[in-house]
């Protein structure tokens, strides 16, 4: 068997060295690029590139999570809409959600789509308890009302299977469905 021209005269150790060097450089570039891609796609500015997301962004900005709170804390879309218990799960759900949003941006008619039914049916699949708990670690802070205290205590004790959004269904987007209705009835979407 004859060797290809680019290998002739080179020892296997040199070939292995070049291959390892190339592999290391490619790996470093891939890691840097993927980190950059993850960070650059973690902002609301990126998310609203899908035109139908604009009313959701406006509703989020008007909410406590959009910065209208005493501390001015702003949660980005990924802070609520991606799981935070595993980095692998975070990446998998990010890829799946991104592909779904990309598809929907081209193939749904935002003017006739039933946003209310979609929000009700799928709320649990695009808001994660681990995301809520990454910021809201203390579920029983001083000064909490009795009903909230008892509900959160039951959650902490494992006495209930309820998720955060079952008790707080519209917490991340103030008057979301009203905003969607105004947005798409006014023709702003396109």
N, C-alpha and C. Protein backbone atom coordinates (compact mmCIF):
# COMPACT_ATOMS: atom_id res chain seq x y z
N UNK A 1 0.85 -1.18 0.00
CA UNK A 1 0.00 0.00 0.00
C UNK A 1 0.90 1.24 0.00
N UNK A 2 0.62 2.15 -0.92
CA UNK A 2 1.42 3.37 -1.00
C UNK A 2 0.79 4.46 -0.16
N UNK A 3 1.67 5.29 0.38
CA UNK A 3 1.21 6.39 1.22
C UNK A 3 0.81 7.58 0.35
N UNK A 4 -0.18 8.37 0.81
CA UNK A 4 -0.51 9.60 0.08
C UNK A 4 0.69 10.53 0.08
N UNK A 5 0.74 11.44 -0.87
CA UNK A 5 1.89 12.33 -1.05
C UNK A 5 2.15 13.18 0.19
N UNK A 6 1.12 13.63 0.88
CA UNK A 6 1.33 14.51 2.03
C UNK A 6 1.92 13.79 3.23
N UNK A 7 1.88 12.43 3.22
CA UNK A 7 2.43 11.66 4.32
C UNK A 7 3.86 11.19 4.04
N UNK A 8 4.22 11.06 2.77
CA UNK A 8 5.53 10.53 2.41
C UNK A 8 6.64 11.28 3.12
N UNK A 9 7.55 10.54 3.72
CA UNK A 9 8.70 11.13 4.39
C UNK A 9 8.44 11.55 5.83
N UNK A 10 7.22 11.41 6.32
CA UNK A 10 6.90 11.81 7.69
C UNK A 10 6.75 10.56 8.55
N UNK A 11 7.24 10.66 9.73
CA UNK A 11 7.13 9.52 10.65
C UNK A 11 5.73 9.52 11.26
N UNK A 12 5.28 8.35 11.71
CA UNK A 12 3.96 8.28 12.36
C UNK A 12 3.85 9.21 13.56
N UNK A 13 4.95 9.42 14.28
CA UNK A 13 4.93 10.30 15.45
C UNK A 13 4.66 11.75 15.04
N UNK A 14 5.25 12.19 13.92
CA UNK A 14 5.00 13.55 13.42
C UNK A 14 3.54 13.70 13.00
N UNK A 15 3.03 12.71 12.33
CA UNK A 15 1.62 12.74 11.88
C UNK A 15 0.70 12.81 13.10
N UNK A 16 1.00 12.01 14.10
CA UNK A 16 0.21 12.01 15.32
C UNK A 16 0.28 13.38 16.01
N UNK A 17 1.46 13.97 16.05
CA UNK A 17 1.65 15.30 16.65
C UNK A 17 0.83 16.35 15.94
N UNK A 18 0.87 16.34 14.61
CA UNK A 18 0.07 17.31 13.84
C UNK A 18 -1.43 17.08 14.07
N UNK A 19 -1.83 15.83 14.10
CA UNK A 19 -3.24 15.51 14.34
C UNK A 19 -3.70 15.96 15.72
N UNK A 20 -2.86 15.71 16.73
CA UNK A 20 -3.21 16.12 18.10
C UNK A 20 -3.26 17.65 18.19
N UNK A 21 -2.29 18.32 17.58
CA UNK A 21 -2.27 19.78 17.58
C UNK A 21 -3.52 20.36 16.94
N UNK A 22 -3.87 19.81 15.78
CA UNK A 22 -5.07 20.26 15.09
C UNK A 22 -6.31 20.00 15.94
N UNK A 23 -6.37 18.83 16.59
CA UNK A 23 -7.51 18.48 17.44
C UNK A 23 -7.65 19.43 18.62
N UNK A 24 -6.53 19.80 19.23
CA UNK A 24 -6.57 20.71 20.37
C UNK A 24 -7.04 22.10 19.93
N UNK A 25 -6.49 22.61 18.83
CA UNK A 25 -6.89 23.92 18.32
C UNK A 25 -8.37 23.91 17.94
N UNK A 26 -8.82 22.86 17.26
CA UNK A 26 -10.23 22.77 16.86
C UNK A 26 -11.14 22.70 18.09
N UNK A 27 -10.73 21.97 19.11
CA UNK A 27 -11.53 21.85 20.33
C UNK A 27 -11.64 23.20 21.04
N UNK A 28 -10.51 23.92 21.16
CA UNK A 28 -10.53 25.23 21.80
C UNK A 28 -11.45 26.19 21.04
N UNK A 29 -11.34 26.19 19.72
CA UNK A 29 -12.19 27.07 18.91
C UNK A 29 -13.66 26.70 19.05
N UNK A 30 -13.95 25.42 19.07
CA UNK A 30 -15.34 24.96 19.22
C UNK A 30 -15.91 25.37 20.58
N UNK A 31 -15.13 25.20 21.63
CA UNK A 31 -15.59 25.57 22.97
C UNK A 31 -15.83 27.07 23.05
N UNK A 32 -14.88 27.87 22.53
CA UNK A 32 -15.06 29.32 22.55
C UNK A 32 -16.27 29.74 21.73
N UNK A 33 -16.42 29.14 20.56
CA UNK A 33 -17.56 29.49 19.70
C UNK A 33 -18.87 29.08 20.34
N UNK A 34 -18.92 27.90 20.94
CA UNK A 34 -20.17 27.45 21.53
C UNK A 34 -20.53 28.31 22.74
N UNK A 35 -19.55 28.68 23.56
CA UNK A 35 -19.82 29.57 24.69
C UNK A 35 -20.34 30.91 24.21
N UNK A 36 -19.74 31.43 23.15
CA UNK A 36 -20.20 32.70 22.57
C UNK A 36 -21.62 32.55 22.05
N UNK A 37 -21.90 31.44 21.36
CA UNK A 37 -23.23 31.22 20.81
C UNK A 37 -24.28 31.10 21.92
N UNK A 38 -23.93 30.40 22.98
CA UNK A 38 -24.87 30.24 24.08
C UNK A 38 -25.18 31.59 24.71
N UNK A 39 -24.14 32.38 24.98
CA UNK A 39 -24.35 33.69 25.60
C UNK A 39 -25.10 34.65 24.68
N UNK A 40 -24.77 34.65 23.40
CA UNK A 40 -25.42 35.60 22.49
C UNK A 40 -26.87 35.24 22.20
N UNK A 41 -27.26 34.00 22.45
CA UNK A 41 -28.66 33.61 22.25
C UNK A 41 -29.44 33.57 23.55
N UNK A 42 -28.86 34.08 24.64
CA UNK A 42 -29.51 34.08 25.94
C UNK A 42 -30.19 35.40 26.28
N UNK A 43 -30.40 36.27 25.32
CA UNK A 43 -30.95 37.59 25.61
C UNK A 43 -32.34 37.77 24.97
N UNK A 44 -33.10 38.68 25.56
CA UNK A 44 -34.41 38.98 24.97
C UNK A 44 -34.25 39.58 23.58
N UNK A 45 -33.17 40.29 23.34
CA UNK A 45 -32.93 40.88 22.02
C UNK A 45 -32.84 39.80 20.96
N UNK A 46 -32.22 38.69 21.29
CA UNK A 46 -32.15 37.57 20.36
C UNK A 46 -33.52 36.93 20.19
N UNK A 47 -34.23 36.71 21.29
CA UNK A 47 -35.51 36.00 21.25
C UNK A 47 -36.56 36.72 20.40
N UNK A 48 -36.53 38.07 20.39
CA UNK A 48 -37.57 38.78 19.63
C UNK A 48 -37.27 38.83 18.14
N UNK A 49 -36.21 38.19 17.72
CA UNK A 49 -35.98 38.08 16.27
C UNK A 49 -37.11 37.30 15.62
N UNK A 50 -37.74 36.42 16.40
CA UNK A 50 -38.97 35.79 15.94
C UNK A 50 -40.06 36.83 16.19
N UNK A 51 -40.64 37.36 15.11
CA UNK A 51 -41.54 38.51 15.21
C UNK A 51 -42.70 38.30 16.16
N UNK A 52 -43.20 37.09 16.25
CA UNK A 52 -44.36 36.88 17.10
C UNK A 52 -44.01 36.97 18.58
N UNK A 53 -42.74 37.07 18.94
CA UNK A 53 -42.34 37.17 20.35
C UNK A 53 -42.45 38.60 20.90
N UNK A 54 -42.61 39.59 20.06
CA UNK A 54 -42.65 40.98 20.51
C UNK A 54 -43.69 41.26 21.59
N UNK A 55 -44.93 40.80 21.48
CA UNK A 55 -45.88 41.11 22.56
C UNK A 55 -45.50 40.42 23.87
N UNK A 56 -44.86 39.27 23.79
CA UNK A 56 -44.43 38.58 24.99
C UNK A 56 -43.29 39.36 25.66
N UNK A 57 -42.42 39.94 24.84
CA UNK A 57 -41.35 40.78 25.39
C UNK A 57 -41.93 42.02 26.07
N UNK A 58 -42.90 42.65 25.43
CA UNK A 58 -43.51 43.84 26.02
C UNK A 58 -44.21 43.51 27.35
N UNK A 59 -44.91 42.38 27.39
CA UNK A 59 -45.59 41.95 28.61
C UNK A 59 -44.57 41.62 29.70
N UNK A 60 -43.46 41.01 29.32
CA UNK A 60 -42.39 40.69 30.28
C UNK A 60 -41.77 41.98 30.83
N UNK A 61 -41.52 42.96 29.96
CA UNK A 61 -40.92 44.23 30.42
C UNK A 61 -41.82 44.95 31.42
N UNK A 62 -43.13 44.78 31.30
CA UNK A 62 -44.08 45.44 32.21
C UNK A 62 -44.24 44.67 33.52
N UNK A 63 -43.63 43.49 33.60
CA UNK A 63 -43.80 42.65 34.79
C UNK A 63 -42.67 42.84 35.79
N UNK A 64 -42.84 42.23 36.93
CA UNK A 64 -41.82 42.25 37.98
C UNK A 64 -40.51 41.64 37.45
N UNK A 65 -40.61 40.59 36.64
CA UNK A 65 -39.41 39.94 36.12
C UNK A 65 -38.72 40.73 35.01
N UNK A 66 -39.42 41.70 34.46
CA UNK A 66 -38.83 42.55 33.42
C UNK A 66 -38.13 43.78 33.98
N UNK A 67 -38.08 43.89 35.30
CA UNK A 67 -37.36 44.99 35.92
C UNK A 67 -38.22 45.95 36.73
N UNK A 68 -39.55 45.81 36.66
CA UNK A 68 -40.42 46.72 37.43
C UNK A 68 -40.60 46.16 38.85
N UNK A 69 -39.49 46.12 39.57
CA UNK A 69 -39.48 45.67 40.95
C UNK A 69 -38.57 46.60 41.74
N UNK A 70 -38.68 46.63 43.06
CA UNK A 70 -37.91 47.58 43.87
C UNK A 70 -36.40 47.52 43.64
N UNK A 71 -35.88 46.35 43.30
CA UNK A 71 -34.43 46.20 43.11
C UNK A 71 -33.99 46.41 41.66
N UNK A 72 -34.94 46.46 40.73
CA UNK A 72 -34.60 46.63 39.32
C UNK A 72 -34.00 45.39 38.68
N UNK A 73 -34.21 44.23 39.30
CA UNK A 73 -33.66 42.98 38.78
C UNK A 73 -34.41 42.58 37.51
N UNK A 74 -33.68 42.20 36.49
CA UNK A 74 -34.27 41.79 35.22
C UNK A 74 -33.89 40.35 34.95
N UNK A 75 -34.88 39.51 34.72
CA UNK A 75 -34.66 38.12 34.33
C UNK A 75 -34.75 38.03 32.81
N UNK A 76 -33.79 37.38 32.20
CA UNK A 76 -33.85 37.17 30.76
C UNK A 76 -34.76 35.98 30.45
N UNK A 77 -35.12 35.82 29.20
CA UNK A 77 -36.02 34.73 28.79
C UNK A 77 -35.52 33.38 29.28
N UNK A 78 -34.22 33.13 29.11
CA UNK A 78 -33.65 31.83 29.47
C UNK A 78 -33.63 31.60 30.98
N UNK A 79 -33.76 32.66 31.76
CA UNK A 79 -33.77 32.50 33.21
C UNK A 79 -35.03 31.77 33.68
N UNK A 80 -36.10 31.87 32.92
CA UNK A 80 -37.36 31.21 33.28
C UNK A 80 -37.70 30.05 32.35
N UNK A 81 -37.34 30.18 31.09
CA UNK A 81 -37.81 29.24 30.08
C UNK A 81 -36.83 28.13 29.74
N UNK A 82 -35.78 27.98 30.55
CA UNK A 82 -34.87 26.84 30.40
C UNK A 82 -34.64 26.24 31.78
N UNK A 83 -34.49 24.92 31.85
CA UNK A 83 -34.25 24.28 33.15
C UNK A 83 -32.84 24.62 33.67
N UNK A 84 -32.70 24.66 34.97
CA UNK A 84 -31.41 25.03 35.57
C UNK A 84 -30.84 23.94 36.47
N UNK A 85 -31.36 22.73 36.39
CA UNK A 85 -30.84 21.69 37.26
C UNK A 85 -29.70 20.89 36.63
N UNK A 86 -29.50 21.00 35.32
CA UNK A 86 -28.44 20.27 34.63
C UNK A 86 -28.04 21.06 33.38
N UNK A 87 -26.72 21.24 33.20
CA UNK A 87 -26.25 22.00 32.04
C UNK A 87 -26.59 21.28 30.73
N UNK A 88 -26.49 19.96 30.74
CA UNK A 88 -26.83 19.18 29.54
C UNK A 88 -28.31 19.36 29.22
N UNK A 89 -29.17 19.25 30.23
CA UNK A 89 -30.61 19.44 30.01
C UNK A 89 -30.88 20.87 29.53
N UNK A 90 -30.17 21.84 30.09
CA UNK A 90 -30.29 23.24 29.67
C UNK A 90 -30.01 23.37 28.17
N UNK A 91 -28.92 22.74 27.72
CA UNK A 91 -28.54 22.82 26.31
C UNK A 91 -29.53 22.09 25.40
N UNK A 92 -29.98 20.93 25.84
CA UNK A 92 -30.93 20.14 25.05
C UNK A 92 -32.25 20.91 24.89
N UNK A 93 -32.77 21.43 25.99
CA UNK A 93 -34.03 22.17 25.93
C UNK A 93 -33.85 23.47 25.14
N UNK A 94 -32.70 24.11 25.27
CA UNK A 94 -32.40 25.33 24.52
C UNK A 94 -32.44 25.04 23.01
N UNK A 95 -31.81 23.95 22.60
CA UNK A 95 -31.79 23.59 21.18
C UNK A 95 -33.20 23.24 20.69
N UNK A 96 -33.92 22.43 21.48
CA UNK A 96 -35.28 22.03 21.10
C UNK A 96 -36.22 23.24 21.02
N UNK A 97 -36.14 24.12 22.01
CA UNK A 97 -36.99 25.31 22.03
C UNK A 97 -36.64 26.25 20.89
N UNK A 98 -35.36 26.44 20.66
CA UNK A 98 -34.93 27.30 19.56
C UNK A 98 -35.41 26.80 18.21
N UNK A 99 -35.30 25.50 17.99
CA UNK A 99 -35.76 24.92 16.73
C UNK A 99 -37.28 25.07 16.59
N UNK A 100 -38.00 24.85 17.69
CA UNK A 100 -39.45 25.00 17.67
C UNK A 100 -39.85 26.45 17.38
N UNK A 101 -39.19 27.39 18.06
CA UNK A 101 -39.51 28.81 17.82
C UNK A 101 -39.19 29.22 16.39
N UNK A 102 -38.09 28.74 15.87
CA UNK A 102 -37.71 29.04 14.49
C UNK A 102 -38.78 28.52 13.52
N UNK A 103 -39.20 27.28 13.74
CA UNK A 103 -40.25 26.66 12.92
C UNK A 103 -41.54 27.47 13.00
N UNK A 104 -41.97 27.78 14.24
CA UNK A 104 -43.23 28.51 14.43
C UNK A 104 -43.18 29.92 13.84
N UNK A 105 -42.03 30.54 13.85
CA UNK A 105 -41.90 31.88 13.29
C UNK A 105 -42.28 31.90 11.81
N UNK A 106 -42.04 30.80 11.13
CA UNK A 106 -42.34 30.75 9.70
C UNK A 106 -43.68 30.09 9.37
N UNK A 107 -44.17 29.23 10.26
CA UNK A 107 -45.31 28.41 9.87
C UNK A 107 -46.59 28.62 10.66
N UNK A 108 -46.63 29.53 11.60
CA UNK A 108 -47.92 29.82 12.24
C UNK A 108 -48.36 31.22 11.84
N UNK A 109 -49.64 31.40 11.83
CA UNK A 109 -50.19 32.72 11.57
C UNK A 109 -50.50 33.34 12.93
N UNK A 110 -49.70 34.32 13.38
CA UNK A 110 -49.89 34.87 14.72
C UNK A 110 -51.24 35.54 14.92
N UNK A 111 -51.91 35.89 13.83
CA UNK A 111 -53.20 36.58 13.92
C UNK A 111 -54.34 35.61 14.20
N UNK A 112 -54.18 34.35 13.82
CA UNK A 112 -55.25 33.37 14.02
C UNK A 112 -54.88 32.31 15.05
N UNK A 113 -53.65 32.27 15.48
CA UNK A 113 -53.18 31.27 16.44
C UNK A 113 -53.87 31.49 17.78
N UNK A 114 -54.24 30.42 18.46
CA UNK A 114 -54.91 30.52 19.76
C UNK A 114 -53.87 30.58 20.87
N UNK A 115 -53.39 31.78 21.15
CA UNK A 115 -52.34 31.99 22.13
C UNK A 115 -52.78 31.60 23.53
N UNK A 116 -54.02 31.89 23.88
CA UNK A 116 -54.52 31.57 25.23
C UNK A 116 -54.53 30.06 25.46
N UNK A 117 -55.04 29.31 24.51
CA UNK A 117 -55.07 27.85 24.66
C UNK A 117 -53.65 27.29 24.70
N UNK A 118 -52.76 27.83 23.89
CA UNK A 118 -51.38 27.37 23.88
C UNK A 118 -50.71 27.63 25.23
N UNK A 119 -50.91 28.82 25.77
CA UNK A 119 -50.31 29.16 27.06
C UNK A 119 -50.84 28.23 28.15
N UNK A 120 -52.13 27.98 28.16
CA UNK A 120 -52.72 27.13 29.18
C UNK A 120 -52.25 25.69 29.05
N UNK A 121 -52.22 25.18 27.83
CA UNK A 121 -51.87 23.78 27.61
C UNK A 121 -50.38 23.50 27.79
N UNK A 122 -49.55 24.48 27.48
CA UNK A 122 -48.10 24.20 27.45
C UNK A 122 -47.28 24.97 28.48
N UNK A 123 -47.92 25.68 29.37
CA UNK A 123 -47.19 26.48 30.36
C UNK A 123 -46.16 25.63 31.09
N UNK A 124 -46.54 24.42 31.47
CA UNK A 124 -45.63 23.55 32.22
C UNK A 124 -44.42 23.12 31.41
N UNK A 125 -44.54 23.11 30.09
CA UNK A 125 -43.42 22.65 29.28
C UNK A 125 -42.45 23.76 28.89
N UNK A 126 -42.80 25.02 29.14
CA UNK A 126 -41.83 26.07 28.83
C UNK A 126 -41.54 27.02 29.98
N UNK A 127 -41.87 26.61 31.20
CA UNK A 127 -41.44 27.31 32.40
C UNK A 127 -41.07 26.23 33.41
N UNK A 128 -39.90 26.35 34.00
CA UNK A 128 -39.35 25.27 34.81
C UNK A 128 -39.19 25.67 36.27
N UNK A 129 -39.58 24.77 37.18
CA UNK A 129 -39.40 25.02 38.61
C UNK A 129 -37.94 25.28 38.95
N UNK A 130 -37.03 24.54 38.33
CA UNK A 130 -35.61 24.75 38.63
C UNK A 130 -35.17 26.14 38.22
N UNK A 131 -35.81 26.70 37.21
CA UNK A 131 -35.51 28.08 36.81
C UNK A 131 -36.01 29.05 37.88
N UNK A 132 -37.23 28.85 38.35
CA UNK A 132 -37.77 29.72 39.40
C UNK A 132 -36.89 29.65 40.64
N UNK A 133 -36.52 28.43 41.01
CA UNK A 133 -35.76 28.22 42.25
C UNK A 133 -34.31 28.70 42.14
N UNK A 134 -33.80 28.92 40.93
CA UNK A 134 -32.43 29.43 40.82
C UNK A 134 -32.35 30.87 41.33
N UNK A 135 -33.45 31.61 41.31
CA UNK A 135 -33.49 32.98 41.87
C UNK A 135 -34.25 33.02 43.18
N UNK A 136 -35.35 32.30 43.25
CA UNK A 136 -36.23 32.32 44.43
C UNK A 136 -35.87 31.14 45.33
N UNK A 137 -34.74 31.25 45.99
CA UNK A 137 -34.27 30.16 46.85
C UNK A 137 -35.04 30.10 48.16
N UNK A 138 -35.35 31.26 48.71
CA UNK A 138 -36.07 31.33 49.98
C UNK A 138 -37.57 31.44 49.68
N UNK A 139 -38.27 30.33 49.82
CA UNK A 139 -39.70 30.31 49.50
C UNK A 139 -40.57 30.75 50.68
N UNK A 140 -39.97 30.97 51.83
CA UNK A 140 -40.73 31.41 53.00
C UNK A 140 -40.05 32.62 53.65
N UNK A 141 -39.92 33.71 52.90
CA UNK A 141 -39.24 34.88 53.47
C UNK A 141 -40.08 35.56 54.54
N UNK A 142 -39.43 36.33 55.43
CA UNK A 142 -40.18 37.07 56.45
C UNK A 142 -41.17 38.03 55.80
N UNK A 143 -42.34 38.14 56.38
CA UNK A 143 -43.36 39.05 55.88
C UNK A 143 -44.29 38.44 54.84
N UNK A 144 -44.06 37.18 54.48
CA UNK A 144 -44.94 36.54 53.50
C UNK A 144 -46.32 36.30 54.12
N UNK A 145 -47.35 36.46 53.31
CA UNK A 145 -48.71 36.20 53.79
C UNK A 145 -48.88 34.74 54.17
N UNK A 146 -49.81 34.50 55.07
CA UNK A 146 -50.03 33.17 55.62
C UNK A 146 -50.31 32.13 54.53
N UNK A 147 -51.19 32.45 53.57
CA UNK A 147 -51.53 31.48 52.52
C UNK A 147 -50.32 31.09 51.68
N UNK A 148 -49.52 32.09 51.31
CA UNK A 148 -48.30 31.81 50.55
C UNK A 148 -47.30 31.01 51.35
N UNK A 149 -47.17 31.35 52.62
CA UNK A 149 -46.26 30.63 53.51
C UNK A 149 -46.66 29.16 53.60
N UNK A 150 -47.95 28.90 53.82
CA UNK A 150 -48.42 27.51 53.95
C UNK A 150 -48.24 26.74 52.65
N UNK A 151 -48.53 27.37 51.51
CA UNK A 151 -48.37 26.70 50.22
C UNK A 151 -46.90 26.38 49.96
N UNK A 152 -46.02 27.33 50.21
CA UNK A 152 -44.60 27.10 49.97
C UNK A 152 -44.02 26.09 50.95
N UNK A 153 -44.49 26.12 52.18
CA UNK A 153 -44.03 25.14 53.16
C UNK A 153 -44.41 23.73 52.71
N UNK A 154 -45.63 23.58 52.19
CA UNK A 154 -46.07 22.27 51.70
C UNK A 154 -45.19 21.82 50.53
N UNK A 155 -44.81 22.74 49.69
CA UNK A 155 -43.92 22.42 48.55
C UNK A 155 -42.55 21.96 49.07
N UNK A 156 -42.01 22.69 50.03
CA UNK A 156 -40.69 22.36 50.57
C UNK A 156 -40.68 21.03 51.31
N UNK A 157 -41.79 20.70 51.91
CA UNK A 157 -41.90 19.42 52.64
C UNK A 157 -42.21 18.25 51.71
N UNK A 158 -42.49 18.53 50.45
CA UNK A 158 -42.84 17.46 49.51
C UNK A 158 -44.26 16.98 49.66
N UNK A 159 -45.12 17.79 50.26
CA UNK A 159 -46.52 17.42 50.49
C UNK A 159 -47.39 17.73 49.29
N UNK A 160 -46.85 18.39 48.28
CA UNK A 160 -47.62 18.71 47.08
C UNK A 160 -46.73 18.54 45.86
N UNK A 161 -47.34 18.19 44.76
CA UNK A 161 -46.62 18.03 43.50
C UNK A 161 -46.81 19.25 42.59
N UNK A 162 -47.50 20.27 43.08
CA UNK A 162 -47.76 21.46 42.27
C UNK A 162 -46.46 22.11 41.84
N UNK A 163 -46.48 22.66 40.63
CA UNK A 163 -45.33 23.40 40.13
C UNK A 163 -45.54 24.88 40.41
N UNK A 164 -44.49 25.65 40.25
CA UNK A 164 -44.57 27.09 40.51
C UNK A 164 -45.65 27.74 39.65
N UNK A 165 -45.70 27.39 38.36
CA UNK A 165 -46.65 28.05 37.47
C UNK A 165 -48.09 27.59 37.66
N UNK A 166 -48.30 26.54 38.40
CA UNK A 166 -49.68 26.16 38.70
C UNK A 166 -50.30 27.14 39.69
N UNK A 167 -49.49 27.69 40.58
CA UNK A 167 -49.99 28.69 41.53
C UNK A 167 -49.75 30.11 41.04
N UNK A 168 -48.74 30.30 40.22
CA UNK A 168 -48.37 31.62 39.70
C UNK A 168 -48.39 31.56 38.17
N UNK A 169 -49.56 31.43 37.55
CA UNK A 169 -49.63 31.14 36.11
C UNK A 169 -49.16 32.27 35.19
N UNK A 170 -49.26 33.51 35.59
CA UNK A 170 -48.92 34.61 34.67
C UNK A 170 -47.85 35.53 35.26
N UNK A 171 -47.00 34.97 36.12
CA UNK A 171 -46.08 35.79 36.88
C UNK A 171 -45.01 36.48 36.02
N UNK A 172 -44.57 35.90 34.95
CA UNK A 172 -43.46 36.46 34.17
C UNK A 172 -43.84 37.48 33.12
N UNK A 173 -45.12 37.57 32.80
CA UNK A 173 -45.57 38.46 31.73
C UNK A 173 -46.86 39.15 32.19
N UNK A 174 -46.76 40.42 32.49
CA UNK A 174 -47.93 41.16 32.99
C UNK A 174 -48.97 41.31 31.88
N UNK A 175 -50.18 40.88 32.16
CA UNK A 175 -51.30 40.99 31.22
C UNK A 175 -50.93 40.46 29.83
N UNK A 176 -50.27 39.31 29.81
CA UNK A 176 -49.72 38.75 28.57
C UNK A 176 -50.77 38.57 27.48
N UNK A 177 -51.88 37.95 27.79
CA UNK A 177 -52.87 37.68 26.75
C UNK A 177 -53.52 38.96 26.24
N UNK A 178 -53.69 39.95 27.12
CA UNK A 178 -54.19 41.25 26.67
C UNK A 178 -53.18 41.91 25.72
N UNK A 179 -51.90 41.81 26.06
CA UNK A 179 -50.85 42.38 25.22
C UNK A 179 -50.82 41.69 23.85
N UNK A 180 -50.95 40.38 23.85
CA UNK A 180 -50.97 39.63 22.59
C UNK A 180 -52.16 40.06 21.74
N UNK A 181 -53.32 40.17 22.38
CA UNK A 181 -54.54 40.58 21.66
C UNK A 181 -54.37 41.97 21.06
N UNK A 182 -53.87 42.91 21.83
CA UNK A 182 -53.66 44.28 21.32
C UNK A 182 -52.64 44.28 20.19
N UNK A 183 -51.59 43.52 20.35
CA UNK A 183 -50.50 43.52 19.38
C UNK A 183 -50.96 42.97 18.04
N UNK A 184 -51.62 41.82 18.07
CA UNK A 184 -52.00 41.19 16.80
C UNK A 184 -53.27 41.76 16.21
N UNK A 185 -54.12 42.37 17.01
CA UNK A 185 -55.31 43.01 16.43
C UNK A 185 -54.95 44.35 15.80
N UNK A 186 -53.83 44.95 16.22
CA UNK A 186 -53.43 46.24 15.66
C UNK A 186 -52.57 46.09 14.39
N UNK A 187 -52.14 44.85 14.10
CA UNK A 187 -51.34 44.62 12.89
C UNK A 187 -49.86 44.95 13.09
N UNK A 188 -49.38 45.08 14.33
CA UNK A 188 -47.98 45.40 14.59
C UNK A 188 -47.02 44.26 14.27
N UNK A 189 -47.52 43.06 14.21
CA UNK A 189 -46.65 41.89 14.16
C UNK A 189 -45.71 41.86 12.96
N UNK A 190 -46.11 42.36 11.88
CA UNK A 190 -45.22 42.25 10.71
C UNK A 190 -44.72 43.58 10.27
